[in-house]
Structure formats: C-alpha cells, structure tokens
C-alpha cells in the first residue's frame, strides 16, 4: 500500500511564495525595460528626400536610418536592385552613385540627395539594352539571375574605369560580387566583350 505524500502548510506557503515571485518577474522586467528605453532609445525621425534616380526626381519621406537599398525597394518599388546579405559582402545591391559603384545596403538614403543614382532599371535606353546587359545574355553571364543586376552594375563600372587589361584584373575588380551559381567565366567573357567593342 502506497503512503500518501504529506504536505505541510509551511511547504505550501513556501512554494506559493516562490511561484508568486516568479510570476511577478516578467512585469517588473518589462517596466524596467520601458524606463531604460526612455533614456537610451533614439526616437524614429523622418526627413523629406528628393533623389535623382535614373534621371528622374523622386520626392519621398523616409526614416533617417533608411538605407538606399531599402528606399529603392520598399519606398520607390524599384526592385531590380537585390537584397542579398544586407551586410555589404555579396554585391547584389550594387548601384552607381555619380557614376561610381556603391553598395546600396551600406549607403544611407539621407546622404544621397544632390547625387545621381543609377540602378539596373536605368541602364537600358528606351527599348535597347545596355551593351553589358546584351553581353551577359550572349555570353551566359548568369544562371539563376539573382546576383545579375549587381554583377552588371559592377561590370559597367569595371569597363568605365578601365579595369579590363587582364582576366586577373577583371576578377580582382569584380571580387566584391558573389555568384552562388558560379557563372564567373561568362561574367568575365561579357566584360571582355564590352571592353573590346
């Protein structure tokens, strides 16, 4: 025959006190967090922006901490520029700022007014593809296509800056743009084709 466990009044009170104090912790931690937040968290600030993108002026309001990449994709619906790593390591978000390539995920939108932004959408002229876009098609410079906009923007900069004297120079200049599919040979061939024309 099993013996019934005996619980004293004292053990019941102890257990109840422990459980009650544990239940109170989350609310006290939350209150503490709210008090600390008032002193250390900077409130969200927005600012009006007028930015020239692909030779067209866009007027919008954005958080002062918004990146150029997020402004392009989220605010202006220019989704050709891709969000890859969001840490400046893959090159998928490459655009031109005053003709020079930049990583839009590391560029604050607030620093852009007064400068000209060119995205992949702005490379073609009317219905005619940019020579680099055409070369990527002809030389199989892409597979899945996700990194292609950033690759093309960097490739255009590579040619414009005269970094095409050798395959190793092209590879060095393009090393900031990653292609998970491994279409590097086609990318180099595309750059060489445009540089030679």
Protein backbone atom coordinates (compact mmCIF):
# COMPACT_ATOMS: atom_id res chain seq x y z
CA UNK A 1 0.00 0.00 0.00
CA UNK A 2 1.37 3.39 -1.03
CA UNK A 3 1.81 6.09 1.52
CA UNK A 4 0.19 9.43 0.79
CA UNK A 5 2.64 12.32 0.49
CA UNK A 6 2.23 14.74 3.33
CA UNK A 7 2.43 18.42 2.54
CA UNK A 8 2.63 20.77 5.42
CA UNK A 9 1.12 24.21 5.49
CA UNK A 10 4.61 25.65 5.70
CA UNK A 11 5.82 23.93 2.46
CA UNK A 12 2.62 25.08 0.70
CA UNK A 13 3.30 28.70 1.71
CA UNK A 14 6.95 28.48 0.59
CA UNK A 15 6.02 27.04 -2.82
CA UNK A 16 3.26 29.63 -3.27
CA UNK A 17 5.67 32.47 -2.41
CA UNK A 18 8.24 31.22 -4.95
CA UNK A 19 5.63 30.86 -7.70
CA UNK A 20 4.17 34.28 -6.97
CA UNK A 21 7.59 35.95 -7.16
CA UNK A 22 8.37 34.15 -10.45
CA UNK A 23 5.09 35.33 -11.93
CA UNK A 24 5.93 38.90 -10.95
CA UNK A 25 9.35 38.94 -12.67
CA UNK A 26 8.21 39.47 -16.29
CA UNK A 27 6.13 42.54 -15.46
CA UNK A 28 8.90 44.09 -13.37
CA UNK A 29 11.46 43.37 -16.12
CA UNK A 30 9.13 44.91 -18.68
CA UNK A 31 8.67 48.01 -16.52
CA UNK A 32 12.43 48.30 -16.11
CA UNK A 33 12.91 47.94 -19.89
CA UNK A 34 10.36 50.71 -20.56
CA UNK A 35 12.15 53.03 -18.10
CA UNK A 36 15.55 52.34 -19.68
CA UNK A 37 14.15 52.69 -23.19
CA UNK A 38 13.10 56.29 -22.47
CA UNK A 39 16.72 57.23 -21.82
CA UNK A 40 18.63 55.23 -24.44
CA UNK A 41 16.44 54.61 -27.49
CA UNK A 42 16.51 57.37 -30.08
CA UNK A 43 13.01 58.07 -31.36
CA UNK A 44 12.32 57.46 -35.03
CA UNK A 45 12.97 60.54 -37.15
CA UNK A 46 11.91 61.06 -40.74
CA UNK A 47 13.07 63.55 -43.30
CA UNK A 48 11.92 64.63 -46.75
CA UNK A 49 14.14 63.43 -49.59
CA UNK A 50 14.40 64.48 -53.22
CA UNK A 51 16.60 61.99 -55.06
CA UNK A 52 17.50 61.71 -58.73
CA UNK A 53 17.25 58.05 -59.73
CA UNK A 54 17.71 57.01 -63.35
CA UNK A 55 17.40 60.69 -64.40
CA UNK A 56 14.03 61.06 -62.69
CA UNK A 57 13.45 63.01 -59.46
CA UNK A 58 11.63 61.17 -56.69
CA UNK A 59 10.26 63.03 -53.65
CA UNK A 60 9.54 60.97 -50.58
CA UNK A 61 9.85 60.91 -46.80
CA UNK A 62 12.00 58.30 -45.12
CA UNK A 63 13.44 57.34 -41.76
CA UNK A 64 16.86 58.95 -41.33
CA UNK A 65 18.31 55.45 -40.82
CA UNK A 66 16.91 54.06 -44.08
CA UNK A 67 19.46 52.61 -46.47
CA UNK A 68 19.44 53.46 -50.16
CA UNK A 69 18.62 49.80 -50.86
CA UNK A 70 15.50 49.84 -48.68
CA UNK A 71 14.44 53.21 -50.10
CA UNK A 72 14.72 51.84 -53.65
CA UNK A 73 12.92 48.57 -52.95
CA UNK A 74 10.40 49.44 -50.25
CA UNK A 75 9.57 53.11 -50.77
CA UNK A 76 10.00 53.54 -54.54
CA UNK A 77 9.25 49.97 -55.75
CA UNK A 78 12.46 49.83 -57.83
CA UNK A 79 13.07 46.16 -57.09
CA UNK A 80 15.74 45.44 -59.72
CA UNK A 81 18.41 46.09 -57.10
CA UNK A 82 18.55 42.93 -54.98
CA UNK A 83 18.92 42.48 -51.25
CA UNK A 84 21.42 39.70 -50.70
CA UNK A 85 23.40 39.65 -47.48
CA UNK A 86 22.43 43.19 -46.32
CA UNK A 87 25.98 43.47 -44.90
CA UNK A 88 27.97 44.67 -47.93
CA UNK A 89 29.53 41.28 -48.60
CA UNK A 90 27.78 39.92 -51.71
CA UNK A 91 27.43 42.86 -54.13
CA UNK A 92 23.84 42.04 -55.14
CA UNK A 93 22.75 45.57 -54.20
CA UNK A 94 25.36 47.42 -56.31
CA UNK A 95 24.19 50.68 -57.90
CA UNK A 96 26.02 53.70 -59.32
CA UNK A 97 26.24 56.93 -57.36
CA UNK A 98 27.54 59.76 -59.56
CA UNK A 99 28.88 57.09 -61.91
CA UNK A 100 30.78 55.12 -59.26
CA UNK A 101 29.64 51.79 -57.91
CA UNK A 102 28.41 51.67 -54.31
CA UNK A 103 26.76 49.06 -52.14
CA UNK A 104 23.29 50.45 -51.56
CA UNK A 105 22.79 48.35 -48.41
CA UNK A 106 25.62 50.31 -46.75
CA UNK A 107 24.64 53.74 -48.09
CA UNK A 108 22.24 55.87 -46.07
CA UNK A 109 19.49 57.38 -48.22
CA UNK A 110 19.93 60.67 -46.32
CA UNK A 111 23.41 61.07 -47.88
CA UNK A 112 22.18 60.73 -51.47
CA UNK A 113 20.28 63.99 -52.27
CA UNK A 114 22.30 66.09 -54.72
CA UNK A 115 23.81 62.98 -56.31
CA UNK A 116 22.64 60.89 -59.25
CA UNK A 117 21.70 57.27 -58.63
CA UNK A 118 21.64 54.75 -61.46
CA UNK A 119 20.07 51.35 -60.90
CA UNK A 120 19.75 48.35 -63.21
CA UNK A 121 16.40 49.78 -64.38
CA UNK A 122 18.20 52.87 -65.70
CA UNK A 123 20.87 51.17 -67.83
CA UNK A 124 18.77 50.41 -70.90
CA UNK A 125 17.96 53.26 -73.30
CA UNK A 126 14.29 53.10 -74.26
CA UNK A 127 13.86 49.54 -75.58
CA UNK A 128 17.56 48.99 -76.30
CA UNK A 129 19.56 47.06 -73.72
CA UNK A 130 22.84 48.43 -72.42
CA UNK A 131 25.78 46.67 -74.18
CA UNK A 132 26.68 44.96 -70.87
CA UNK A 133 23.15 43.60 -70.46
CA UNK A 134 23.28 42.27 -74.02
CA UNK A 135 26.73 40.74 -73.43
CA UNK A 136 25.51 38.93 -70.29
CA UNK A 137 22.76 37.35 -72.39
CA UNK A 138 25.07 36.38 -75.24
CA UNK A 139 27.89 35.05 -73.03
CA UNK A 140 25.72 33.23 -70.46
CA UNK A 141 26.85 35.55 -67.69
CA UNK A 142 24.09 34.41 -65.35
CA UNK A 143 22.17 31.35 -64.22
CA UNK A 144 19.54 31.95 -61.54
CA UNK A 145 19.80 35.70 -62.16
CA UNK A 146 19.55 36.88 -58.55
CA UNK A 147 23.02 38.45 -58.43
CA UNK A 148 22.90 39.59 -62.07
CA UNK A 149 21.77 43.22 -61.51
CA UNK A 150 24.65 43.83 -59.10
CA UNK A 151 27.08 41.95 -61.37
CA UNK A 152 26.06 44.08 -64.38
CA UNK A 153 26.34 47.35 -62.44
CA UNK A 154 29.83 46.40 -61.25
CA UNK A 155 30.78 45.19 -64.73
CA UNK A 156 29.77 48.54 -66.27
CA UNK A 157 31.91 50.32 -63.67
CA UNK A 158 34.75 47.89 -64.39
CA UNK A 159 34.76 48.87 -68.08
CA UNK A 160 34.22 52.59 -67.39
CA UNK A 161 37.20 52.68 -65.03
CA UNK A 162 39.45 50.79 -67.46
CA UNK A 163 39.94 47.75 -65.20
CA UNK A 164 39.91 45.29 -68.09
CA UNK A 165 43.58 44.90 -69.04
CA UNK A 166 43.66 41.24 -68.00
CA UNK A 167 41.45 38.45 -66.70
CA UNK A 168 43.11 38.71 -63.30
CA UNK A 169 42.42 42.45 -63.16
CA UNK A 170 38.75 41.89 -64.05
CA UNK A 171 38.48 39.16 -61.41
CA UNK A 172 40.10 41.41 -58.81
CA UNK A 173 37.77 44.31 -59.60
CA UNK A 174 34.69 42.05 -59.60
CA UNK A 175 35.67 40.12 -56.44
CA UNK A 176 33.10 42.00 -54.34
CA UNK A 177 30.27 40.45 -56.34
CA UNK A 178 29.44 36.85 -55.49
CA UNK A 179 27.63 34.42 -57.77
CA UNK A 180 26.42 31.31 -55.96
CA UNK A 181 25.74 29.62 -59.31
CA UNK A 182 29.38 30.05 -60.39
CA UNK A 183 28.77 31.91 -63.66
CA UNK A 184 32.12 33.70 -63.33
CA UNK A 185 33.53 32.61 -66.70
CA UNK A 186 30.53 34.06 -68.53
CA UNK A 187 30.75 37.26 -66.48
CA UNK A 188 34.42 37.76 -67.35
CA UNK A 189 33.71 36.99 -71.01
CA UNK A 190 30.87 39.55 -71.01
CA UNK A 191 33.16 42.24 -69.61
CA UNK A 192 35.89 41.44 -72.12
CA UNK A 193 33.37 41.61 -74.96
CA UNK A 194 32.11 45.06 -73.98
CA UNK A 195 35.64 46.35 -73.27
CA UNK A 196 36.77 45.24 -76.73
CA UNK A 197 33.89 46.96 -78.55
